[in-house]
Amino acid sequence: MTKKFEKITEKDSLYNDLEKMSIYQLLVNINNEDKKVPYAVEKAIPQIERLVYKVVDKLSKGGRLFYIGAGTSGRLGILDASECPPTFGVEDDLVIGLIAGGDQAIRKAVEDAEDSIEQSWEDLKKYNFNKHDVLIGIAASGTTPYVVSAIKKAREFGAITGCITMNPGSPLEQAAEYPVTVVVGPEFVTGSSRMKAGTAQKLVLNMISTTTMIKLGRVKGNKMVDMQLTNAKLVDRGTRMIMKETGLNYEKANQLLLKEGSVRLALKKIYKQKQ
């Protein structure tokens, strides 16, 4: 039975006369609304679990993970995708984020881009998207044509499809094979889904990518052993990981890390020497 669709994300805020509130009152009330988000995400964990199982399976067999969205949703997908290589040492094309309007839309809204029902598939084709990949559509409303059309086409194509939306019964939820629906309720500023909806999307994206990378072996214990050594802070962190694991002093651990290029390779070298 199809769920009745109601755009909760467009409902009136539970608060009124915002302009009459003090700065303190505004901050407290925004925070009170934000507190609802993790509880809403918790209710969606079974859905997230089903989706992550599929993501791990496909990526372990050579597939890729795509996020697609418009506006805030698209930017959050790009953010999560762009953080995977430096955090987990994976290739730049393993997790890919696409936004309606292209890269220029990351910083500035592109008029009417999200209303296109053809452009999203064209954008995916540029990356040779195929049935071995996974596509996750992100749209708070669950109605964005750019996103919904991409999910429908990808599913017809035989690819695994998922979504992150805030409206149960939405076209996006119905189109995706593995939907994740997080009901956060009306926004503090009516319709401003960059707020609670955006926070929920960020939390779910963190859960999907982090859990996937752990299951793909990109974390040892609780450490990012494959992180890219792109600055002094990360080199220092990596050095201390090696020290803790092996008992080497800072200087020797640091030299080994810089020579081998990653914590994983440095530890592998030490273990090999001990055999």
C-alpha atoms as a PDB file:
ATOM      1  CA  MET A   1       0.000   0.000   0.000  1.00  0.00           C
ATOM      2  CA  THR A   2       1.417   3.396  -1.025  1.00  0.00           C
ATOM      3  CA  LYS A   3       1.950   5.803   1.846  1.00  0.00           C
ATOM      4  CA  LYS A   4       0.082   9.085   1.732  1.00  0.00           C
ATOM      5  CA  PHE A   5       2.546  11.778   0.749  1.00  0.00           C
ATOM      6  CA  GLU A   6       2.680  14.905   2.873  1.00  0.00           C
ATOM      7  CA  LYS A   7       5.424  17.495   2.517  1.00  0.00           C
ATOM      8  CA  ILE A   8       6.428  17.746   6.151  1.00  0.00           C
ATOM      9  CA  THR A   9       9.488  19.794   5.154  1.00  0.00           C
ATOM     10  CA  GLU A  10       7.139  22.577   3.953  1.00  0.00           C
ATOM     11  CA  LYS A  11       4.951  22.688   7.050  1.00  0.00           C
ATOM     12  CA  ASP A  12       4.844  25.858   9.128  1.00  0.00           C
ATOM     13  CA  SER A  13       7.467  26.217  11.829  1.00  0.00           C
ATOM     14  CA  LEU A  14       6.420  25.400  15.383  1.00  0.00           C
ATOM     15  CA  TYR A  15       7.641  28.903  16.273  1.00  0.00           C
ATOM     16  CA  ASN A  16       6.329  32.296  15.182  1.00  0.00           C
ATOM     17  CA  ASP A  17       7.357  35.939  15.374  1.00  0.00           C
ATOM     18  CA  LEU A  18      10.999  34.947  15.048  1.00  0.00           C
ATOM     19  CA  GLU A  19      12.039  38.538  14.435  1.00  0.00           C
ATOM     20  CA  LYS A  20      10.720  39.465  17.885  1.00  0.00           C
ATOM     21  CA  MET A  21      12.893  36.929  19.692  1.00  0.00           C
ATOM     22  CA  SER A  22      16.171  37.888  21.346  1.00  0.00           C
ATOM     23  CA  ILE A  23      19.406  36.420  20.023  1.00  0.00           C
ATOM     24  CA  TYR A  24      19.504  34.081  23.021  1.00  0.00           C
ATOM     25  CA  GLN A  25      15.922  32.911  22.439  1.00  0.00           C
ATOM     26  CA  LEU A  26      16.658  32.238  18.766  1.00  0.00           C
ATOM     27  CA  LEU A  27      19.741  30.206  19.599  1.00  0.00           C
ATOM     28  CA  VAL A  28      17.984  28.169  22.289  1.00  0.00           C
ATOM     29  CA  ASN A  29      14.988  27.433  20.074  1.00  0.00           C
ATOM     30  CA  ILE A  30      17.143  26.439  17.091  1.00  0.00           C
ATOM     31  CA  ASN A  31      19.108  24.155  19.404  1.00  0.00           C
ATOM     32  CA  ASN A  32      15.903  22.640  20.779  1.00  0.00           C
ATOM     33  CA  GLU A  33      14.833  21.753  17.250  1.00  0.00           C
ATOM     34  CA  ASP A  34      18.296  20.392  16.392  1.00  0.00           C
ATOM     35  CA  LYS A  35      18.097  18.026  19.385  1.00  0.00           C
ATOM     36  CA  LYS A  36      15.311  16.154  17.600  1.00  0.00           C
ATOM     37  CA  VAL A  37      17.532  15.188  14.657  1.00  0.00           C
ATOM     38  CA  PRO A  38      19.628  12.309  16.099  1.00  0.00           C
ATOM     39  CA  TYR A  39      16.480  10.648  17.475  1.00  0.00           C
ATOM     40  CA  ALA A  40      14.885  10.830  14.035  1.00  0.00           C
ATOM     41  CA  VAL A  41      18.034   9.313  12.498  1.00  0.00           C
ATOM     42  CA  GLU A  42      17.995   6.540  15.105  1.00  0.00           C
ATOM     43  CA  LYS A  43      14.558   5.438  13.916  1.00  0.00           C
ATOM     44  CA  ALA A  44      15.947   5.085  10.385  1.00  0.00           C
ATOM     45  CA  ILE A  45      18.918   2.848  11.326  1.00  0.00           C
ATOM     46  CA  PRO A  46      17.268  -0.346   9.999  1.00  0.00           C
ATOM     47  CA  GLN A  47      16.840   1.371   6.622  1.00  0.00           C
ATOM     48  CA  ILE A  48      20.409   2.676   6.681  1.00  0.00           C
ATOM     49  CA  GLU A  49      21.673  -0.812   7.534  1.00  0.00           C
ATOM     50  CA  ARG A  50      19.961  -2.375   4.522  1.00  0.00           C
ATOM     51  CA  LEU A  51      21.431   0.257   2.226  1.00  0.00           C
ATOM     52  CA  VAL A  52      24.960  -0.014   3.654  1.00  0.00           C
ATOM     53  CA  TYR A  53      24.948  -3.799   3.182  1.00  0.00           C
ATOM     54  CA  LYS A  54      24.426  -3.205  -0.526  1.00  0.00           C
ATOM     55  CA  VAL A  55      27.022  -0.427  -0.714  1.00  0.00           C
ATOM     56  CA  VAL A  56      29.679  -2.598   0.952  1.00  0.00           C
ATOM     57  CA  ASP A  57      28.845  -5.533  -1.304  1.00  0.00           C
ATOM     58  CA  LYS A  58      29.093  -3.510  -4.520  1.00  0.00           C
ATOM     59  CA  LEU A  59      32.237  -1.589  -3.550  1.00  0.00           C
ATOM     60  CA  SER A  60      33.995  -4.764  -2.436  1.00  0.00           C
ATOM     61  CA  LYS A  61      33.406  -6.121  -5.947  1.00  0.00           C
ATOM     62  CA  GLY A  62      34.806  -3.100  -7.762  1.00  0.00           C
ATOM     63  CA  GLY A  63      31.730  -0.879  -7.914  1.00  0.00           C
ATOM     64  CA  ARG A  64      31.529   2.785  -6.974  1.00  0.00           C
ATOM     65  CA  LEU A  65      29.249   4.906  -4.786  1.00  0.00           C
ATOM     66  CA  PHE A  66      27.532   7.952  -6.276  1.00  0.00           C
ATOM     67  CA  TYR A  67      25.628  10.653  -4.419  1.00  0.00           C
ATOM     68  CA  ILE A  68      23.336  12.938  -6.411  1.00  0.00           C
ATOM     69  CA  GLY A  69      21.418  15.969  -5.198  1.00  0.00           C
ATOM     70  CA  ALA A  70      20.545  19.618  -5.734  1.00  0.00           C
ATOM     71  CA  GLY A  71      21.283  22.653  -3.592  1.00  0.00           C
ATOM     72  CA  THR A  72      22.153  21.863   0.025  1.00  0.00           C
ATOM     73  CA  SER A  73      21.575  18.141  -0.533  1.00  0.00           C
ATOM     74  CA  GLY A  74      23.984  18.054  -3.456  1.00  0.00           C
ATOM     75  CA  ARG A  75      26.618  20.008  -1.552  1.00  0.00           C
ATOM     76  CA  LEU A  76      26.426  17.625   1.404  1.00  0.00           C
ATOM     77  CA  GLY A  77      26.894  14.647  -0.906  1.00  0.00           C
ATOM     78  CA  ILE A  78      29.941  16.276  -2.483  1.00  0.00           C
ATOM     79  CA  LEU A  79      31.323  17.069   0.975  1.00  0.00           C
ATOM     80  CA  ASP A  80      31.054  13.455   2.112  1.00  0.00           C
ATOM     81  CA  ALA A  81      32.518  12.121  -1.138  1.00  0.00           C
ATOM     82  CA  SER A  82      35.426  14.570  -1.109  1.00  0.00           C
ATOM     83  CA  GLU A  83      36.410  13.578   2.438  1.00  0.00           C
ATOM     84  CA  CYS A  84      36.749   9.859   1.697  1.00  0.00           C
ATOM     85  CA  PRO A  85      40.156   9.952  -0.084  1.00  0.00           C
ATOM     86  CA  PRO A  86      42.013  11.982   2.580  1.00  0.00           C
ATOM     87  CA  THR A  87      40.359  10.156   5.472  1.00  0.00           C
ATOM     88  CA  PHE A  88      40.520   6.595   4.205  1.00  0.00           C
ATOM     89  CA  GLY A  89      43.143   6.706   1.448  1.00  0.00           C
ATOM     90  CA  VAL A  90      40.753   5.496  -1.258  1.00  0.00           C
ATOM     91  CA  GLU A  91      40.872   6.521  -4.918  1.00  0.00           C
ATOM     92  CA  ASP A  92      39.246   9.829  -5.867  1.00  0.00           C
ATOM     93  CA  ASP A  93      36.693   8.049  -8.041  1.00  0.00           C
ATOM     94  CA  LEU A  94      35.426   5.493  -5.511  1.00  0.00           C
ATOM     95  CA  VAL A  95      32.868   7.863  -3.971  1.00  0.00           C
ATOM     96  CA  ILE A  96      31.563  10.564  -6.299  1.00  0.00           C
ATOM     97  CA  GLY A  97      29.210  13.444  -5.532  1.00  0.00           C
ATOM     98  CA  LEU A  98      27.132  15.134  -8.233  1.00  0.00           C
ATOM     99  CA  ILE A  99      25.081  18.323  -7.929  1.00  0.00           C
ATOM    100  CA  ALA A 100      22.439  19.808 -10.216  1.00  0.00           C
ATOM    101  CA  GLY A 101      24.068  22.626 -12.160  1.00  0.00           C
ATOM    102  CA  GLY A 102      27.575  21.177 -11.983  1.00  0.00           C
ATOM    103  CA  ASP A 103      30.534  22.325  -9.926  1.00  0.00           C
ATOM    104  CA  GLN A 104      29.558  26.007 -10.168  1.00  0.00           C
ATOM    105  CA  ALA A 105      26.450  25.150  -8.125  1.00  0.00           C
ATOM    106  CA  ILE A 106      28.618  24.177  -5.155  1.00  0.00           C
ATOM    107  CA  ARG A 107      29.083  27.863  -4.342  1.00  0.00           C
ATOM    108  CA  LYS A 108      26.205  29.567  -6.135  1.00  0.00           C
ATOM    109  CA  ALA A 109      22.685  28.404  -6.962  1.00  0.00           C
ATOM    110  CA  VAL A 110      22.102  27.583 -10.633  1.00  0.00           C
ATOM    111  CA  GLU A 111      18.619  28.598 -11.729  1.00  0.00           C
ATOM    112  CA  ASP A 112      16.231  25.771 -12.704  1.00  0.00           C
ATOM    113  CA  ALA A 113      18.998  23.131 -12.591  1.00  0.00           C
ATOM    114  CA  GLU A 114      17.125  20.927 -10.134  1.00  0.00           C
ATOM    115  CA  ASP A 115      14.022  20.856 -12.361  1.00  0.00           C
ATOM    116  CA  SER A 116      15.686  18.996 -15.224  1.00  0.00           C
ATOM    117  CA  ILE A 117      14.577  15.369 -15.641  1.00  0.00           C
ATOM    118  CA  GLU A 118      17.227  14.561 -18.254  1.00  0.00           C
ATOM    119  CA  GLN A 119      20.426  16.252 -17.094  1.00  0.00           C
ATOM    120  CA  SER A 120      21.075  13.992 -14.103  1.00  0.00           C
ATOM    121  CA  TRP A 121      21.416  10.895 -16.268  1.00  0.00           C
ATOM    122  CA  GLU A 122      23.678  12.813 -18.651  1.00  0.00           C
ATOM    123  CA  ASP A 123      25.830  13.797 -15.677  1.00  0.00           C
ATOM    124  CA  LEU A 124      26.065  10.175 -14.551  1.00  0.00           C
ATOM    125  CA  LYS A 125      26.980   8.973 -18.035  1.00  0.00           C
ATOM    126  CA  LYS A 126      30.066  11.212 -17.970  1.00  0.00           C
ATOM    127  CA  TYR A 127      31.385   8.879 -15.252  1.00  0.00           C
ATOM    128  CA  ASN A 128      30.424   5.698 -17.123  1.00  0.00           C
ATOM    129  CA  PHE A 129      27.888   4.863 -14.435  1.00  0.00           C
ATOM    130  CA  ASN A 130      26.922   1.194 -14.692  1.00  0.00           C
ATOM    131  CA  LYS A 131      24.964  -1.579 -12.981  1.00  0.00           C
ATOM    132  CA  HIS A 132      27.889  -2.419 -10.700  1.00  0.00           C
ATOM    133  CA  ASP A 133      27.657   1.017  -9.048  1.00  0.00           C
ATOM    134  CA  VAL A 134      25.352   2.354  -6.317  1.00  0.00           C
ATOM    135  CA  LEU A 135      23.414   5.614  -6.632  1.00  0.00           C
ATOM    136  CA  ILE A 136      22.055   7.425  -3.572  1.00  0.00           C
ATOM    137  CA  GLY A 137      19.722  10.332  -4.257  1.00  0.00           C
ATOM    138  CA  ILE A 138      19.601  13.067  -1.630  1.00  0.00           C
ATOM    139  CA  ALA A 139      16.585  15.386  -1.447  1.00  0.00           C
ATOM    140  CA  ALA A 140      14.904  16.654   1.708  1.00  0.00           C
ATOM    141  CA  SER A 141      11.598  17.161  -0.106  1.00  0.00           C
ATOM    142  CA  GLY A 142      11.806  13.865  -1.966  1.00  0.00           C
ATOM    143  CA  THR A 143      10.410  15.566  -5.060  1.00  0.00           C
ATOM    144  CA  THR A 144      13.443  17.109  -6.799  1.00  0.00           C
ATOM    145  CA  PRO A 145      13.074  16.131 -10.498  1.00  0.00           C
ATOM    146  CA  TYR A 146      16.852  16.027 -11.107  1.00  0.00           C
ATOM    147  CA  VAL A 147      17.265  13.471  -8.303  1.00  0.00           C
ATOM    148  CA  VAL A 148      14.084  11.416  -8.731  1.00  0.00           C
ATOM    149  CA  SER A 149      14.669  10.947 -12.468  1.00  0.00           C
ATOM    150  CA  ALA A 150      18.259   9.796 -11.858  1.00  0.00           C
ATOM    151  CA  ILE A 151      17.131   7.178  -9.341  1.00  0.00           C
ATOM    152  CA  LYS A 152      14.400   5.885 -11.651  1.00  0.00           C
ATOM    153  CA  LYS A 153      16.796   5.612 -14.589  1.00  0.00           C
ATOM    154  CA  ALA A 154      19.548   3.972 -12.533  1.00  0.00           C
ATOM    155  CA  ARG A 155      17.115   1.402 -11.156  1.00  0.00           C
ATOM    156  CA  GLU A 156      15.872   0.583 -14.664  1.00  0.00           C
ATOM    157  CA  PHE A 157      19.528   0.248 -15.620  1.00  0.00           C
ATOM    158  CA  GLY A 158      19.975  -2.473 -13.001  1.00  0.00           C
ATOM    159  CA  ALA A 159      22.015  -0.505 -10.461  1.00  0.00           C
ATOM    160  CA  ILE A 160      21.416  -0.478  -6.705  1.00  0.00           C
ATOM    161  CA  THR A 161      19.552   2.693  -5.718  1.00  0.00           C
ATOM    162  CA  GLY A 162      19.054   4.339  -2.345  1.00  0.00           C
ATOM    163  CA  CYS A 163      17.952   7.728  -1.125  1.00  0.00           C
ATOM    164  CA  ILE A 164      17.976  10.077   1.839  1.00  0.00           C
ATOM    165  CA  THR A 165      14.795  12.098   2.242  1.00  0.00           C
ATOM    166  CA  MET A 166      12.712  13.646   5.015  1.00  0.00           C
ATOM    167  CA  ASN A 167       9.225  13.072   3.613  1.00  0.00           C
ATOM    168  CA  PRO A 168       7.647   9.587   3.887  1.00  0.00           C
ATOM    169  CA  GLY A 169       5.742   8.495   0.808  1.00  0.00           C
ATOM    170  CA  SER A 170       7.601  10.935  -1.443  1.00  0.00           C
ATOM    171  CA  PRO A 171       8.309  10.171  -5.119  1.00  0.00           C
ATOM    172  CA  LEU A 172      11.984   9.691  -4.249  1.00  0.00           C
ATOM    173  CA  GLU A 173      11.239   7.214  -1.465  1.00  0.00           C
ATOM    174  CA  GLN A 174       9.026   5.245  -3.829  1.00  0.00           C
ATOM    175  CA  ALA A 175      11.584   5.325  -6.652  1.00  0.00           C
ATOM    176  CA  ALA A 176      14.562   4.057  -4.630  1.00  0.00           C
ATOM    177  CA  GLU A 177      15.044   0.376  -3.873  1.00  0.00           C
ATOM    178  CA  TYR A 178      16.635   1.114  -0.491  1.00  0.00           C
ATOM    179  CA  PRO A 179      15.135   4.368   0.821  1.00  0.00           C
ATOM    180  CA  VAL A 180      16.222   6.082   4.020  1.00  0.00           C
ATOM    181  CA  THR A 181      13.528   8.412   5.335  1.00  0.00           C
ATOM    182  CA  VAL A 182      14.329  10.582   8.342  1.00  0.00           C
ATOM    183  CA  VAL A 183      11.318  12.531   9.605  1.00  0.00           C
ATOM    184  CA  VAL A 184      12.726  15.589  11.360  1.00  0.00           C
ATOM    185  CA  GLY A 185       9.513  17.645  11.250  1.00  0.00           C
ATOM    186  CA  PRO A 186       9.017  21.286  10.229  1.00  0.00           C
ATOM    187  CA  GLU A 187      12.058  23.549  10.118  1.00  0.00           C
ATOM    188  CA  PHE A 188      12.640  26.417  12.578  1.00  0.00           C
ATOM    189  CA  VAL A 189      12.437  28.786   9.621  1.00  0.00           C
ATOM    190  CA  THR A 190       9.576  27.376   7.549  1.00  0.00           C
ATOM    191  CA  GLY A 191      10.873  25.415   4.570  1.00  0.00           C
ATOM    192  CA  SER A 192      14.573  26.043   5.283  1.00  0.00           C
ATOM    193  CA  SER A 193      15.687  22.453   4.813  1.00  0.00           C
ATOM    194  CA  ARG A 194      19.361  23.371   5.115  1.00  0.00           C
ATOM    195  CA  MET A 195      18.688  23.272   8.862  1.00  0.00           C
ATOM    196  CA  LYS A 196      17.343  20.080  10.478  1.00  0.00           C
ATOM    197  CA  ALA A 197      17.006  18.227   7.189  1.00  0.00           C
ATOM    198  CA  GLY A 198      20.566  19.129   6.217  1.00  0.00           C
ATOM    199  CA  THR A 199      21.868  18.053   9.633  1.00  0.00           C
ATOM    200  CA  ALA A 200      20.087  14.718   9.307  1.00  0.00           C
ATOM    201  CA  GLN A 201      21.483  14.198   5.807  1.00  0.00           C
ATOM    202  CA  LYS A 202      25.012  14.883   7.062  1.00  0.00           C
ATOM    203  CA  LEU A 203      24.614  12.387   9.911  1.00  0.00           C
ATOM    204  CA  VAL A 204      23.295   9.672   7.586  1.00  0.00           C
ATOM    205  CA  LEU A 205      26.047  10.299   5.029  1.00  0.00           C
ATOM    206  CA  ASN A 206      28.654  10.028   7.795  1.00  0.00           C
ATOM    207  CA  MET A 207      27.152   6.705   8.837  1.00  0.00           C
ATOM    208  CA  ILE A 208      27.039   5.313   5.302  1.00  0.00           C
ATOM    209  CA  SER A 209      30.576   6.243   4.233  1.00  0.00           C
ATOM    210  CA  THR A 210      32.294   5.561   7.560  1.00  0.00           C
ATOM    211  CA  THR A 211      30.652   2.172   8.084  1.00  0.00           C
ATOM    212  CA  THR A 212      31.397   1.222   4.484  1.00  0.00           C
ATOM    213  CA  MET A 213      35.066   2.157   4.769  1.00  0.00           C
ATOM    214  CA  ILE A 214      35.445   0.250   8.035  1.00  0.00           C
ATOM    215  CA  LYS A 215      33.936  -2.874   6.460  1.00  0.00           C
ATOM    216  CA  LEU A 216      36.236  -2.443   3.457  1.00  0.00           C
ATOM    217  CA  GLY A 217      39.217  -2.616   5.827  1.00  0.00           C
ATOM    218  CA  ARG A 218      40.171   1.051   5.780  1.00  0.00           C
ATOM    219  CA  VAL A 219      40.298   1.337   9.587  1.00  0.00           C
ATOM    220  CA  LYS A 220      42.452  -0.680  12.000  1.00  0.00           C
ATOM    221  CA  GLY A 221      41.195  -0.781  15.572  1.00  0.00           C
ATOM    222  CA  ASN A 222      39.796   2.730  15.627  1.00  0.00           C
ATOM    223  CA  LYS A 223      42.552   4.408  13.610  1.00  0.00           C
ATOM    224  CA  MET A 224      42.604   5.861  10.078  1.00  0.00           C
ATOM    225  CA  VAL A 225      45.643   3.886   8.983  1.00  0.00           C
ATOM    226  CA  ASP A 226      45.217   4.808   5.309  1.00  0.00           C
ATOM    227  CA  MET A 227      44.727   8.562   5.757  1.00  0.00           C
ATOM    228  CA  GLN A 228      46.632  10.806   3.369  1.00  0.00           C
ATOM    229  CA  LEU A 229      49.545  12.664   4.972  1.00  0.00           C
ATOM    230  CA  THR A 230      48.553  16.054   3.608  1.00  0.00           C
ATOM    231  CA  ASN A 231      49.613  18.300   6.503  1.00  0.00           C
ATOM    232  CA  ALA A 232      51.743  18.436   9.647  1.00  0.00           C
ATOM    233  CA  LYS A 233      48.839  17.548  11.937  1.00  0.00           C
ATOM    234  CA  LEU A 234      48.157  14.311  10.080  1.00  0.00           C
ATOM    235  CA  VAL A 235      51.840  13.386   9.934  1.00  0.00           C
ATOM    236  CA  ASP A 236      52.036  13.904  13.702  1.00  0.00           C
ATOM    237  CA  ARG A 237      48.881  11.832  14.226  1.00  0.00           C
ATOM    238  CA  GLY A 238      50.249   9.039  12.062  1.00  0.00           C
ATOM    239  CA  THR A 239      53.574   9.108  13.860  1.00  0.00           C
ATOM    240  CA  ARG A 240      51.872   8.716  17.237  1.00  0.00           C
ATOM    241  CA  MET A 241      49.770   5.836  15.908  1.00  0.00           C
ATOM    242  CA  ILE A 242      52.956   4.005  14.960  1.00  0.00           C
ATOM    243  CA  MET A 243      54.551   4.809  18.322  1.00  0.00           C
ATOM    244  CA  LYS A 244      51.584   3.417  20.210  1.00  0.00           C
ATOM    245  CA  GLU A 245      51.410   0.278  18.083  1.00  0.00           C
ATOM    246  CA  THR A 246      55.146  -0.527  18.027  1.00  0.00           C
ATOM    247  CA  GLY A 247      56.889   1.209  20.917  1.00  0.00           C
ATOM    248  CA  LEU A 248      59.222   3.153  18.580  1.00  0.00           C
ATOM    249  CA  ASN A 249      60.289   6.617  19.664  1.00  0.00           C
ATOM    250  CA  TYR A 250      58.864   9.675  17.874  1.00  0.00           C
ATOM    251  CA  GLU A 251      61.833  10.271  15.591  1.00  0.00           C
ATOM    252  CA  LYS A 252      62.068   6.690  14.317  1.00  0.00           C
ATOM    253  CA  ALA A 253      58.302   6.393  13.912  1.00  0.00           C
ATOM    254  CA  ASN A 254      58.203   9.675  12.022  1.00  0.00           C
ATOM    255  CA  GLN A 255      61.020   8.685   9.677  1.00  0.00           C
ATOM    256  CA  LEU A 256      59.380   5.353   8.930  1.00  0.00           C
ATOM    257  CA  LEU A 257      56.015   6.965   8.270  1.00  0.00           C
ATOM    258  CA  LEU A 258      57.443   9.508   5.839  1.00  0.00           C
ATOM    259  CA  LYS A 259      59.438   6.828   4.045  1.00  0.00           C
ATOM    260  CA  GLU A 260      56.526   4.379   3.665  1.00  0.00           C
ATOM    261  CA  GLY A 261      53.825   7.003   3.032  1.00  0.00           C
ATOM    262  CA  SER A 262      51.083   5.654   5.300  1.00  0.00           C
ATOM    263  CA  VAL A 263      50.536   4.212   8.752  1.00  0.00           C
ATOM    264  CA  ARG A 264      49.396   0.907   7.252  1.00  0.00           C
ATOM    265  CA  LEU A 265      52.528   0.497   5.130  1.00  0.00           C
ATOM    266  CA  ALA A 266      54.785   1.546   8.002  1.00  0.00           C
ATOM    267  CA  LEU A 267      53.240  -1.055  10.326  1.00  0.00           C
ATOM    268  CA  LYS A 268      53.406  -3.684   7.605  1.00  0.00           C
ATOM    269  CA  LYS A 269      57.129  -3.004   7.223  1.00  0.00           C
ATOM    270  CA  ILE A 270      57.735  -3.390  10.961  1.00  0.00           C
ATOM    271  CA  TYR A 271      55.716  -6.598  11.223  1.00  0.00           C
ATOM    272  CA  LYS A 272      57.548  -8.047   8.238  1.00  0.00           C
ATOM    273  CA  GLN A 273      60.905  -7.292   9.847  1.00  0.00           C
ATOM    274  CA  LYS A 274      59.833  -9.093  13.024  1.00  0.00           C
ATOM    275  CA  GLN A 275      58.888 -12.287  11.194  1.00  0.00           C
END
